[in-house]
Amino acid sequence: MSSTESPSVPAASVLPRVAPVRVGEGERLRSAGLPGVTLTIRSRRPAREGLPPALYVHGLGGSSQNWSSLMAELADAVDSEAVDLPGFGDSPPPDDGDYSVTGHARAVIRYLDSSGRGPVHLFGNSLGGAVATRVAAVRPDLVRTLTLVSPALPELRVQRTAVPTGLLGVPGIAALFTRLTKEWTAEQRVRGVMGLCYGDPGRVTPEAFRLAVEELERRLRLPYFWDAMARSARGIVNAYTLGGQHGLWRQAERVLAPTLLVYGGRDQLVGFRMAAKAARAFRHSRLVTLPDAGHVAMMEYPDVVAGAFRELLAQPADADGTAPDPRS
């Protein structure tokens, strides 16, 4: 499932200088050097010492900034860190050019193993949801609970609005798209992304829109931006076609951790109809549906997602340490 193409990006040590990544109030960034990959980690100081650790994994084209609002909401519940996946946010490309779901999951596992923070409350959105599912399935010792917001799990009938994203994974399409859209401004690109990802783009404040434009302008200057997008999109498509014990739905059935599933009724990228299937697949799951939310409920309704997570924490555990099945 990993890419067989040779990396087409420069080594991290010779990447061009770009504007610094924004760090919100109460946050800090640090770099974690791991075998084959360097990850940028965004963290928020917890409200008090001794809170259990949490790790957040963003979706395709996103970054650790996607979790800032939810991290602030949960500052009194968990000790939060959010990762920039390889090639996204402020993390350079992986040394081997592997942007598959397995490659991203391997990077997350390496970080958790090296940091010693596990087991963590693991969060994932979209691509990050697929990555988090794989981590929870193959390394249950690293995961206390699993929270998935519109996870990118295989669908037989993909929504038409999600097709262009999948096409990015077709060789040559990213380069073609770059040429066709070279006259687009960063504002136009951000407005299009928000129209696709938010249930109601009107909820985005002018300040948040401005910051998103600045971040996109920064990332468009990186020579590996489109390569990371295309290869990661290809990784999702490959994961969708993988069967057997390595298939994502089969791995979802193997997850032991109590799982919170959050689906948006206006999601244009992950079908809302998949919510029921996910609730059946994850054995200890709680399902929250938000009719007005889009693909990034943790950004649109961070207070609601935080409240649902607190309810997951309050759910009593069975003798084996797992939560009882709320559907029973």
Protein backbone atom coordinates (compact mmCIF):
# COMPACT_ATOMS: atom_id res chain seq x y z
CA MET A 1 0.00 0.00 0.00
CA SER A 2 2.99 2.27 0.38
CA SER A 3 4.10 4.34 -2.56
CA THR A 4 6.63 2.74 -4.90
CA GLU A 5 7.68 6.02 -6.45
CA SER A 6 10.94 7.63 -5.44
CA PRO A 7 10.57 10.84 -3.42
CA SER A 8 10.42 13.88 -5.70
CA VAL A 9 10.99 16.52 -3.05
CA PRO A 10 14.18 18.03 -1.68
CA ALA A 11 15.64 16.88 1.60
CA ALA A 12 14.28 18.69 4.64
CA SER A 13 17.66 20.28 5.25
CA VAL A 14 17.50 22.23 1.96
CA LEU A 15 13.84 23.26 1.96
CA PRO A 16 13.25 26.96 1.30
CA ARG A 17 12.50 29.35 4.11
CA VAL A 18 8.85 30.24 4.48
CA ALA A 19 6.84 32.27 6.95
CA PRO A 20 6.59 30.75 10.44
CA VAL A 21 3.56 28.69 11.37
CA ARG A 22 0.99 30.47 13.51
CA VAL A 23 0.96 29.53 17.18
CA GLY A 24 -2.25 30.41 19.01
CA GLU A 25 -2.42 31.86 22.49
CA GLY A 26 -1.66 29.17 25.02
CA GLU A 27 -0.08 26.88 22.42
CA ARG A 28 3.48 25.95 21.61
CA LEU A 29 5.24 24.08 18.80
CA ARG A 30 8.15 21.70 18.97
CA SER A 31 9.86 19.32 16.61
CA ALA A 32 10.21 15.58 17.19
CA GLY A 33 12.95 13.84 15.25
CA LEU A 34 12.11 10.17 14.67
CA PRO A 35 13.53 7.41 12.46
CA GLY A 36 12.68 8.39 8.88
CA VAL A 37 10.46 11.32 9.76
CA THR A 38 10.39 14.62 11.63
CA LEU A 39 7.06 15.71 13.12
CA THR A 40 5.92 19.08 14.39
CA ILE A 41 3.85 18.78 17.56
CA ARG A 42 1.40 21.48 18.70
CA SER A 43 0.53 21.39 22.38
CA ARG A 44 -1.57 23.33 24.85
CA ARG A 45 -0.78 23.67 28.52
CA PRO A 46 -3.36 21.68 30.50
CA ALA A 47 -5.45 23.36 33.17
CA ARG A 48 -3.69 21.30 35.83
CA GLU A 49 -0.99 18.69 36.20
CA GLY A 50 -1.70 15.00 35.95
CA LEU A 51 -4.37 15.05 33.25
CA PRO A 52 -4.37 12.06 30.87
CA PRO A 53 -2.64 12.61 27.51
CA ALA A 54 -4.47 13.12 24.22
CA LEU A 55 -3.19 13.16 20.64
CA TYR A 56 -5.06 14.66 17.65
CA VAL A 57 -4.54 13.68 13.99
CA HIS A 58 -5.80 15.96 11.19
CA GLY A 59 -7.22 15.20 7.77
CA LEU A 60 -6.07 15.58 4.17
CA GLY A 61 -4.81 19.10 3.52
CA GLY A 62 -5.19 20.03 7.18
CA SER A 63 -2.77 20.51 10.04
CA SER A 64 -2.59 20.49 13.81
CA GLN A 65 -4.27 23.92 13.75
CA ASN A 66 -7.55 22.15 12.89
CA TRP A 67 -7.69 20.99 16.51
CA SER A 68 -6.89 24.26 18.30
CA SER A 69 -10.49 25.06 19.24
CA LEU A 70 -11.21 21.58 20.58
CA MET A 71 -7.91 21.50 22.47
CA ALA A 72 -8.90 24.74 24.20
CA GLU A 73 -12.33 23.28 25.06
CA LEU A 74 -10.72 20.21 26.64
CA ALA A 75 -7.87 21.93 28.47
CA ASP A 76 -9.36 20.88 31.82
CA ALA A 77 -9.94 17.27 30.76
CA VAL A 78 -6.81 16.12 28.89
CA ASP A 79 -3.19 17.09 28.25
CA SER A 80 -3.44 17.84 24.52
CA GLU A 81 -0.97 17.44 21.68
CA ALA A 82 -1.76 17.61 17.96
CA VAL A 83 0.54 16.27 15.27
CA ASP A 84 1.32 17.65 11.84
CA LEU A 85 1.44 14.54 9.67
CA PRO A 86 4.50 14.18 7.40
CA GLY A 87 4.35 16.74 4.58
CA PHE A 88 1.57 18.78 6.21
CA GLY A 89 1.50 21.77 8.52
CA ASP A 90 5.08 22.38 9.59
CA SER A 91 6.30 18.78 9.23
CA PRO A 92 8.68 18.07 6.32
CA PRO A 93 8.09 15.13 3.96
CA PRO A 94 8.94 11.60 5.16
CA ASP A 95 12.34 10.36 4.08
CA ASP A 96 10.85 7.48 2.08
CA GLY A 97 8.04 9.46 0.43
CA ASP A 98 5.44 7.10 1.91
CA TYR A 99 2.13 8.97 2.34
CA SER A 100 -0.05 5.87 2.65
CA VAL A 101 -2.46 5.46 5.56
CA THR A 102 -0.04 2.86 6.92
CA GLY A 103 2.87 5.29 6.50
CA HIS A 104 1.05 8.03 8.42
CA ALA A 105 -0.02 5.52 11.10
CA ARG A 106 3.58 4.36 11.41
CA ALA A 107 4.68 7.96 12.04
CA VAL A 108 2.04 8.37 14.78
CA ILE A 109 3.07 5.08 16.42
CA ARG A 110 6.74 6.05 16.31
CA TYR A 111 5.93 9.31 18.02
CA LEU A 112 3.84 7.67 20.74
CA ASP A 113 6.51 5.03 21.34
CA SER A 114 9.31 7.59 21.52
CA SER A 115 7.42 10.08 23.70
CA GLY A 116 6.18 7.48 26.17
CA ARG A 117 2.82 9.31 26.40
CA GLY A 118 0.73 6.30 25.53
CA PRO A 119 -1.88 5.14 26.08
CA VAL A 120 -3.55 8.33 24.86
CA HIS A 121 -7.03 9.54 24.08
CA LEU A 122 -6.63 9.44 20.29
CA PHE A 123 -8.62 11.77 18.01
CA GLY A 124 -8.78 11.68 14.21
CA ASN A 125 -10.62 13.57 11.48
CA SER A 126 -11.09 12.37 7.89
CA LEU A 127 -7.74 10.91 6.76
CA GLY A 128 -6.66 11.24 10.38
CA GLY A 129 -9.67 9.12 11.32
CA ALA A 130 -8.45 6.31 9.07
CA VAL A 131 -4.95 6.68 10.49
CA ALA A 132 -6.24 6.65 14.08
CA THR A 133 -8.36 3.56 13.36
CA ARG A 134 -5.32 1.71 12.09
CA VAL A 135 -3.23 2.78 15.09
CA ALA A 136 -5.94 1.65 17.54
CA ALA A 137 -6.30 -1.71 15.77
CA VAL A 138 -2.63 -2.65 15.54
CA ARG A 139 -1.43 -1.05 18.78
CA PRO A 140 -4.26 -1.19 21.32
CA ASP A 141 -1.72 -0.60 24.09
CA LEU A 142 -1.30 2.98 22.85
CA VAL A 143 -4.99 4.00 22.85
CA ARG A 144 -7.27 4.71 25.85
CA THR A 145 -10.23 5.98 23.85
CA LEU A 146 -10.77 6.71 20.18
CA THR A 147 -12.69 9.75 18.88
CA LEU A 148 -13.36 9.86 15.15
CA VAL A 149 -14.82 12.92 13.41
CA SER A 150 -16.02 12.03 9.89
CA PRO A 151 -13.41 9.28 9.50
CA ALA A 152 -12.35 8.40 5.95
CA LEU A 153 -13.44 4.77 6.00
CA PRO A 154 -14.21 2.94 2.72
CA GLU A 155 -17.52 3.72 1.00
CA LEU A 156 -18.95 1.75 -1.92
CA ARG A 157 -20.86 4.78 -3.21
CA VAL A 158 -18.65 7.82 -2.74
CA GLN A 159 -20.42 11.19 -2.81
CA ARG A 160 -19.97 13.11 -6.05
CA THR A 161 -18.63 16.10 -4.10
CA ALA A 162 -15.79 13.88 -2.82
CA VAL A 163 -14.70 12.66 -6.26
CA PRO A 164 -12.35 15.58 -7.05
CA THR A 165 -10.45 14.91 -3.83
CA GLY A 166 -10.01 11.27 -4.77
CA LEU A 167 -8.89 12.23 -8.27
CA LEU A 168 -5.93 14.09 -6.75
CA GLY A 169 -4.45 10.65 -6.18
CA VAL A 170 -4.39 9.84 -9.90
CA PRO A 171 -0.86 10.33 -11.26
CA GLY A 172 -0.57 13.61 -13.14
CA ILE A 173 -3.86 15.08 -11.91
CA ALA A 174 -2.25 17.21 -9.21
CA ALA A 175 0.14 18.77 -11.74
CA LEU A 176 -2.74 19.36 -14.15
CA PHE A 177 -4.88 20.91 -11.41
CA THR A 178 -1.98 23.17 -10.44
CA ARG A 179 -1.70 24.45 -14.01
CA LEU A 180 -5.44 24.93 -14.41
CA THR A 181 -5.77 26.86 -11.15
CA LYS A 182 -2.54 28.85 -11.23
CA GLU A 183 -4.50 32.11 -11.45
CA TRP A 184 -6.62 31.33 -8.39
CA THR A 185 -5.89 33.48 -5.36
CA ALA A 186 -5.37 32.00 -1.91
CA GLU A 187 -8.66 33.63 -0.89
CA GLN A 188 -10.51 31.78 -3.68
CA ARG A 189 -8.91 28.48 -2.72
CA VAL A 190 -9.73 28.87 0.97
CA ARG A 191 -13.31 29.90 0.22
CA GLY A 192 -13.72 26.77 -1.91
CA VAL A 193 -12.27 24.49 0.76
CA MET A 194 -14.46 25.99 3.46
CA GLY A 195 -17.53 25.63 1.23
CA LEU A 196 -16.68 21.95 0.87
CA CYS A 197 -15.74 21.23 4.49
CA TYR A 198 -18.16 23.34 6.56
CA GLY A 199 -21.86 22.70 6.93
CA ASP A 200 -22.29 26.46 7.16
CA PRO A 201 -19.26 28.46 5.92
CA GLY A 202 -20.91 31.53 7.43
CA ARG A 203 -19.77 30.29 10.85
CA VAL A 204 -16.18 31.10 9.90
CA THR A 205 -15.22 34.46 11.37
CA PRO A 206 -13.37 37.04 9.24
CA GLU A 207 -10.32 36.59 11.49
CA ALA A 208 -10.34 32.81 11.05
CA PHE A 209 -10.69 33.23 7.28
CA ARG A 210 -7.75 35.64 7.18
CA LEU A 211 -5.56 33.26 9.18
CA ALA A 212 -6.52 30.36 6.90
CA VAL A 213 -5.51 32.39 3.85
CA GLU A 214 -2.16 33.24 5.42
CA GLU A 215 -1.51 29.59 6.23
CA LEU A 216 -2.38 28.47 2.70
CA GLU A 217 -0.13 31.15 1.20
CA ARG A 218 2.69 29.83 3.39
CA ARG A 219 2.13 26.22 2.40
CA LEU A 220 1.80 26.95 -1.32
CA ARG A 221 5.42 28.16 -1.20
CA LEU A 222 6.57 24.71 -0.09
CA PRO A 223 7.83 22.65 -3.06
CA TYR A 224 6.28 19.46 -1.69
CA PHE A 225 2.77 20.82 -1.00
CA TRP A 226 0.99 19.26 -3.98
CA ASP A 227 3.10 16.10 -3.82
CA ALA A 228 2.02 15.49 -0.21
CA MET A 229 -1.61 16.16 -1.11
CA ALA A 230 -1.58 13.87 -4.15
CA ARG A 231 0.24 10.98 -2.51
CA SER A 232 -1.92 11.14 0.62
CA ALA A 233 -5.08 11.18 -1.52
CA ARG A 234 -3.70 8.15 -3.37
CA GLY A 235 -3.07 6.53 0.01
CA ILE A 236 -6.73 6.93 0.96
CA VAL A 237 -7.87 5.44 -2.36
CA ASN A 238 -5.49 2.50 -1.91
CA ALA A 239 -6.74 1.94 1.63
CA TYR A 240 -10.32 1.89 0.33
CA THR A 241 -9.48 -0.97 -2.04
CA LEU A 242 -7.50 -3.03 0.46
CA GLY A 243 -9.31 -6.12 1.70
CA GLY A 244 -8.63 -8.86 4.21
CA GLN A 245 -7.32 -8.28 7.71
CA HIS A 246 -5.66 -5.03 6.62
CA GLY A 247 -8.93 -3.50 5.39
CA LEU A 248 -10.03 -0.52 7.43
CA TRP A 249 -13.48 -1.91 8.25
CA ARG A 250 -11.92 -5.16 9.43
CA GLN A 251 -9.52 -3.16 11.56
CA ALA A 252 -12.40 -1.09 12.94
CA GLU A 253 -13.91 -4.34 14.22
CA ARG A 254 -10.65 -5.08 16.04
CA VAL A 255 -10.55 -1.80 17.97
CA LEU A 256 -10.89 -2.47 21.69
CA ALA A 257 -10.93 1.12 22.93
CA PRO A 258 -14.20 2.90 23.75
CA THR A 259 -14.97 4.87 20.58
CA LEU A 260 -16.83 8.13 19.96
CA LEU A 261 -18.09 8.60 16.41
CA VAL A 262 -19.09 12.10 15.22
CA TYR A 263 -20.79 12.55 11.84
CA GLY A 264 -22.12 15.72 10.21
CA GLY A 265 -25.41 15.76 8.34
CA ARG A 266 -24.03 18.22 5.77
CA ASP A 267 -20.73 16.43 5.21
CA GLN A 268 -19.85 16.58 1.50
CA LEU A 269 -16.79 14.33 1.77
CA VAL A 270 -17.81 11.45 4.05
CA GLY A 271 -21.31 10.11 3.57
CA PHE A 272 -23.63 10.66 6.53
CA ARG A 273 -25.12 7.25 5.77
CA MET A 274 -21.83 5.66 6.92
CA ALA A 275 -22.55 6.64 10.53
CA ALA A 276 -24.75 3.62 11.19
CA LYS A 277 -22.23 1.23 9.64
CA ALA A 278 -19.43 2.69 11.75
CA ALA A 279 -21.52 2.35 14.91
CA ARG A 280 -21.95 -1.35 14.12
CA ALA A 281 -18.28 -1.90 13.25
CA PHE A 282 -16.67 -0.40 16.36
CA ARG A 283 -17.63 -2.74 19.15
CA HIS A 284 -17.68 -0.18 22.01
CA SER A 285 -19.02 2.89 20.25
CA ARG A 286 -21.10 5.96 20.96
CA LEU A 287 -22.55 7.76 17.94
CA VAL A 288 -23.19 11.51 17.82
CA THR A 289 -24.80 13.00 14.71
CA LEU A 290 -24.83 16.74 14.10
CA PRO A 291 -27.39 17.58 11.37
CA ASP A 292 -25.96 21.02 10.59
CA ALA A 293 -22.27 20.12 10.71
CA GLY A 294 -20.04 19.43 7.74
CA HIS A 295 -16.77 17.52 7.52
CA VAL A 296 -14.94 19.26 10.37
CA ALA A 297 -17.37 19.24 13.29
CA MET A 298 -14.54 19.80 15.77
CA MET A 299 -13.96 23.20 14.12
CA GLU A 300 -17.63 24.12 13.60
CA TYR A 301 -18.98 22.84 16.93
CA PRO A 302 -15.99 22.32 19.25
CA ASP A 303 -18.14 22.74 22.35
CA VAL A 304 -20.54 20.01 21.25
CA VAL A 305 -17.74 17.60 20.32
CA ALA A 306 -16.01 18.36 23.65
CA GLY A 307 -19.24 17.64 25.51
CA ALA A 308 -19.65 14.30 23.73
CA PHE A 309 -16.06 13.37 24.60
CA ARG A 310 -16.66 14.22 28.27
CA GLU A 311 -19.64 11.88 28.21
CA LEU A 312 -17.40 9.16 26.78
CA LEU A 313 -14.98 9.69 29.67
CA ALA A 314 -17.83 9.45 32.16
CA GLN A 315 -19.03 6.16 30.70
CA PRO A 316 -18.34 3.37 33.24
CA ALA A 317 -15.92 0.66 32.25
CA ASP A 318 -16.37 -3.10 32.34
CA ALA A 319 -14.12 -5.30 34.42
CA ASP A 320 -11.74 -5.70 31.49
CA GLY A 321 -11.26 -1.93 31.27
CA THR A 322 -13.39 -1.41 28.18
CA ALA A 323 -16.62 0.54 28.07
CA PRO A 324 -19.88 -1.36 27.81
CA ASP A 325 -21.56 -1.34 24.42
CA PRO A 326 -24.13 1.52 24.54
CA ARG A 327 -26.17 -0.25 21.84
CA SER A 328 -26.80 -3.30 24.04
